[in-house]
Structures are given as structure tokens and as C-alpha cells.
Protein backbone atom coordinates (compact mmCIF):
# COMPACT_ATOMS: atom_id res chain seq x y z
CA MET A 1 0.00 0.00 0.00
CA ALA A 2 1.36 3.43 -0.89
CA ILE A 3 2.00 6.10 1.72
CA SER A 4 1.48 9.81 1.24
CA GLN A 5 1.42 13.14 3.00
CA VAL A 6 -0.37 15.11 0.27
CA LEU A 7 -3.77 13.97 -1.01
CA GLU A 8 -6.19 15.32 -3.57
CA ALA A 9 -9.75 14.48 -2.57
CA GLU A 10 -13.31 15.16 -3.58
CA ILE A 11 -15.28 16.24 -0.50
CA GLU A 12 -18.99 16.64 0.07
CA LEU A 13 -19.40 19.11 2.88
CA LEU A 14 -22.20 18.70 5.38
CA GLU A 15 -23.35 21.41 7.73
CA LEU A 16 -20.26 23.31 8.86
CA LEU A 17 -19.80 24.57 12.42
CA LYS A 18 -17.85 27.56 11.15
CA PRO A 19 -19.50 29.61 8.39
CA ILE A 20 -16.88 28.89 5.71
CA PHE A 21 -14.43 26.17 4.64
CA SER A 22 -11.24 27.68 3.22
CA ARG A 23 -7.57 27.19 2.52
CA GLY A 24 -5.78 26.73 5.84
CA SER A 25 -8.79 25.12 7.54
CA ALA A 26 -7.82 22.46 10.05
CA CYS A 27 -9.97 19.50 11.06
CA MET A 28 -9.68 15.85 12.07
CA MET A 29 -9.42 13.23 9.34
CA HIS A 30 -10.63 9.69 10.02
CA ILE A 31 -9.38 7.18 7.45
CA HIS A 32 -8.79 3.48 8.14
CA THR A 33 -7.48 3.48 11.73
CA TYR A 34 -5.79 6.87 11.34
CA ALA A 35 -7.26 9.91 13.06
CA ASP A 36 -5.24 13.12 13.19
CA GLU A 37 -5.46 16.79 12.35
CA ILE A 38 -5.03 17.77 8.69
CA ASN A 39 -4.81 21.08 6.84
CA ILE A 40 -6.56 22.13 3.65
CA LYS A 41 -3.81 23.38 1.35
CA GLU A 42 -5.90 24.40 -1.65
CA ILE A 43 -9.44 24.30 -3.01
CA LYS A 44 -9.26 23.48 -6.74
CA TRP A 45 -12.98 23.88 -7.50
CA ALA A 46 -16.28 23.99 -5.65
CA LEU A 47 -19.82 23.19 -6.73
CA GLU A 48 -22.31 25.26 -4.71
CA LYS A 49 -26.02 26.02 -4.89
CA GLU A 50 -26.89 29.63 -5.69
CA LYS A 51 -28.96 31.10 -2.85
CA ASP A 52 -31.31 33.03 -5.15
CA THR A 53 -31.94 30.57 -8.01
CA GLY A 54 -31.05 27.25 -6.39
CA GLU A 55 -28.98 26.12 -9.39
CA LEU A 56 -25.53 24.58 -9.07
CA VAL A 57 -22.59 26.86 -9.88
CA LYS A 58 -19.02 25.61 -10.35
CA LYS A 59 -16.34 27.99 -9.06
CA GLU A 60 -12.72 27.47 -10.11
CA ALA A 61 -10.11 27.98 -7.34
CA PRO A 62 -12.45 29.72 -4.87
CA LYS A 63 -11.01 31.32 -1.75
CA PHE A 64 -13.68 29.60 0.37
CA THR A 65 -16.82 27.50 0.17
CA ARG A 66 -19.91 27.07 2.35
CA SER A 67 -21.97 24.23 3.83
CA PHE A 68 -23.42 21.55 1.54
CA ALA A 69 -20.92 22.17 -1.26
CA LYS A 70 -18.98 19.60 -3.23
CA CYS A 71 -15.31 20.47 -3.76
CA LEU A 72 -11.94 19.15 -4.87
CA VAL A 73 -9.25 19.96 -2.32
CA ARG A 74 -5.58 19.28 -1.66
CA ILE A 75 -4.99 17.97 1.87
CA SER A 76 -1.77 17.86 3.87
CA THR A 77 -1.25 15.45 6.78
CA LYS A 78 1.28 15.76 9.59
CA THR A 79 2.71 12.28 9.05
CA PRO A 80 2.73 9.97 6.04
CA ILE A 81 -0.30 7.66 6.01
CA PRO A 82 -1.20 4.59 3.93
CA VAL A 83 -3.70 5.55 1.22
CA GLU A 84 -5.54 4.07 -1.75
CA LYS A 85 -7.41 5.80 -4.55
CA VAL A 86 -11.16 5.29 -4.45
CA THR A 87 -10.95 3.93 -8.02
CA ASP A 88 -8.48 1.20 -6.94
CA CYS A 89 -10.16 0.15 -3.69
CA PRO A 90 -13.41 1.96 -2.82
CA SER A 91 -13.54 1.01 0.86
CA LEU A 92 -9.95 2.17 1.54
CA GLY A 93 -10.31 5.37 -0.49
CA ARG A 94 -13.01 6.96 1.68
CA PHE A 95 -12.68 9.13 4.78
CA THR A 96 -14.57 11.56 7.01
CA LEU A 97 -13.69 15.02 8.27
CA ARG A 98 -14.73 16.03 11.77
CA ASP A 99 -14.53 19.30 13.67
CA GLU A 100 -15.39 19.82 17.35
CA GLY A 101 -16.90 16.32 17.58
CA LYS A 102 -19.21 16.71 14.58
CA THR A 103 -18.84 15.27 11.07
CA ILE A 104 -18.45 18.14 8.62
CA GLY A 105 -17.59 16.25 5.44
CA ILE A 106 -17.15 12.94 3.69
CA GLY A 107 -14.52 12.44 1.05
CA ARG A 108 -12.93 10.20 -1.54
CA ILE A 109 -9.23 10.14 -2.43
CA MET A 110 -8.81 10.86 -6.13
CA ARG A 111 -5.00 11.24 -6.34
CA PHE A 112 -2.00 11.40 -4.02
CA ILE A 113 1.70 12.20 -4.15
CA PRO A 114 3.74 9.15 -3.06
CA PHE A 115 5.93 9.82 -0.04
CA ASN A 116 9.68 9.62 -0.68
CA LYS A 117 11.12 7.21 1.90
CA ASP A 118 14.66 8.52 1.27
CA LYS A 119 13.72 11.87 2.83
CA MET A 120 12.58 10.28 6.11
CA VAL A 121 14.54 11.44 9.15
CA ARG A 122 16.32 8.54 10.76
CA PRO A 123 18.05 8.60 14.15
CA THR A 124 21.82 8.78 13.86
CA ALA A 125 24.01 6.22 15.58
CA THR A 126 26.22 7.26 18.48
CA ALA A 127 29.97 7.30 17.92
CA GLY A 128 31.42 3.79 17.85
CA ALA A 129 28.04 2.01 18.04
CA THR A 130 26.38 0.15 15.20
CA THR A 131 22.79 0.87 14.20
CA THR A 132 21.63 -2.47 15.61
CA GLU A 133 23.23 -1.66 18.96
CA VAL A 134 21.52 1.74 18.99
CA ALA A 135 18.17 0.14 18.09
CA GLU A 136 18.57 -2.51 20.80
CA ALA A 137 19.50 0.14 23.39
CA LYS A 138 16.56 2.30 22.37
CA HIS A 139 14.10 -0.60 22.64
CA ALA A 140 15.69 -2.45 25.56
CA PRO A 141 13.10 -3.93 27.92
CA VAL A 142 12.66 -2.11 31.21
CA VAL A 143 10.98 -2.91 34.51
CA PHE A 144 9.25 -0.46 36.84
CA ASN A 145 10.69 -0.56 40.36
CA MET A 146 7.80 0.15 42.73
CA ASP A 147 10.09 0.86 45.69
CA SER A 148 12.10 3.63 44.03
CA GLY A 149 9.46 4.71 41.48
CA SER A 150 11.89 4.47 38.57
CA THR A 151 12.46 2.22 35.59
CA GLU A 152 15.48 -0.05 35.38
CA PRO A 153 16.82 -2.31 32.63
CA VAL A 154 15.73 -5.94 32.86
CA GLN A 155 18.32 -8.14 34.55
CA ALA A 156 19.72 -10.95 32.41
CA ALA A 157 17.97 -14.24 33.11
CA MET A 158 19.99 -16.90 34.86
CA ASN A 159 20.28 -19.77 32.42
CA SER A 160 22.00 -22.09 34.83
CA ILE A 161 23.11 -22.16 38.43
CA ALA A 162 26.83 -22.35 38.97
CA GLU A 163 27.74 -25.43 40.91
CA GLU A 164 29.86 -25.16 44.02
CA ALA A 165 33.50 -26.07 43.69
CA ASP A 166 34.44 -29.23 45.59
């Protein structure tokens, strides 16, 4: 499954808590098991109902849109997430947007920019230590000492008992 930090999605807005939905808007995205805050980077187009006539009007690159509009937006996530296009796998290409505990939109991923794994920040090894030693030290098992209230490294298990010398 591909991972990405920038998505292009078609969103159907429901009733918004704030009067407008614009570039820079932040809300919670729920997709698969991921739930985190995202930012709207750009609104490519929006399809809104005219208040006077009730007919649908398509606006190219609007600065904002209102409740009950359909729009194509570019979304930015804080961390790379696994994504699928709705055309490839419909159930994995859908998500919801929530704000202040209320669902404000439902969306479908149309396109995404694959995340470049080479640009990921990796922890550097300490001088003289190999990367496996650093990884083992970082993830070494610890035990909580209830008497002192601190954590200590796990003592090596005794594999055998030394026999007394005759």
C-alpha cells in the first residue's frame, strides 16, 4: 500500500460549524485506523447552490466555500499515512472530516503524491556504536521498580546455576 502526506480528494461538505471552509482550515481526518489533524492546502474547485436561483454553480479555485458544497481539495497530513485511490479500492479510499466532535464532510481520495522514503529522518548512531546496537538500546526492555518509582533495565535471566566447587 502506498504512503502519502499530500492527497487530492473530492469532498462533500455537510453542515459546517464555522460559516466557511477555506484554505488553511484544520480538522480531524478519520481514514482506516488513522485519526489526526489535517490542513486544507488548496481548493481546486467547488460546486455550490446559488442562494437566489437554487442552481448549481461551479467555481474554479475559490477562496472559500460554504456548507453543503462539493469540492476538490488538496490535503496535507502531519505524518505519512497509507492511502488508496477510491478507483483502486473503494472502501480504503473513503474518509470523514470532523470538527469539534461533529462530522463536517465525507470524502474520496482521487489522487495522491507518493511519499519519498529517502527523505525520512532517521536517528543517527552514536559514535562507535552500530545501528543495531543503537536500536537494541533504544528498545531495551525495562521494569518499573515500585520501591524507588523508577524504571530499570531488565536483569539478564539466569540460564544455569553455577555449581559449588568441591
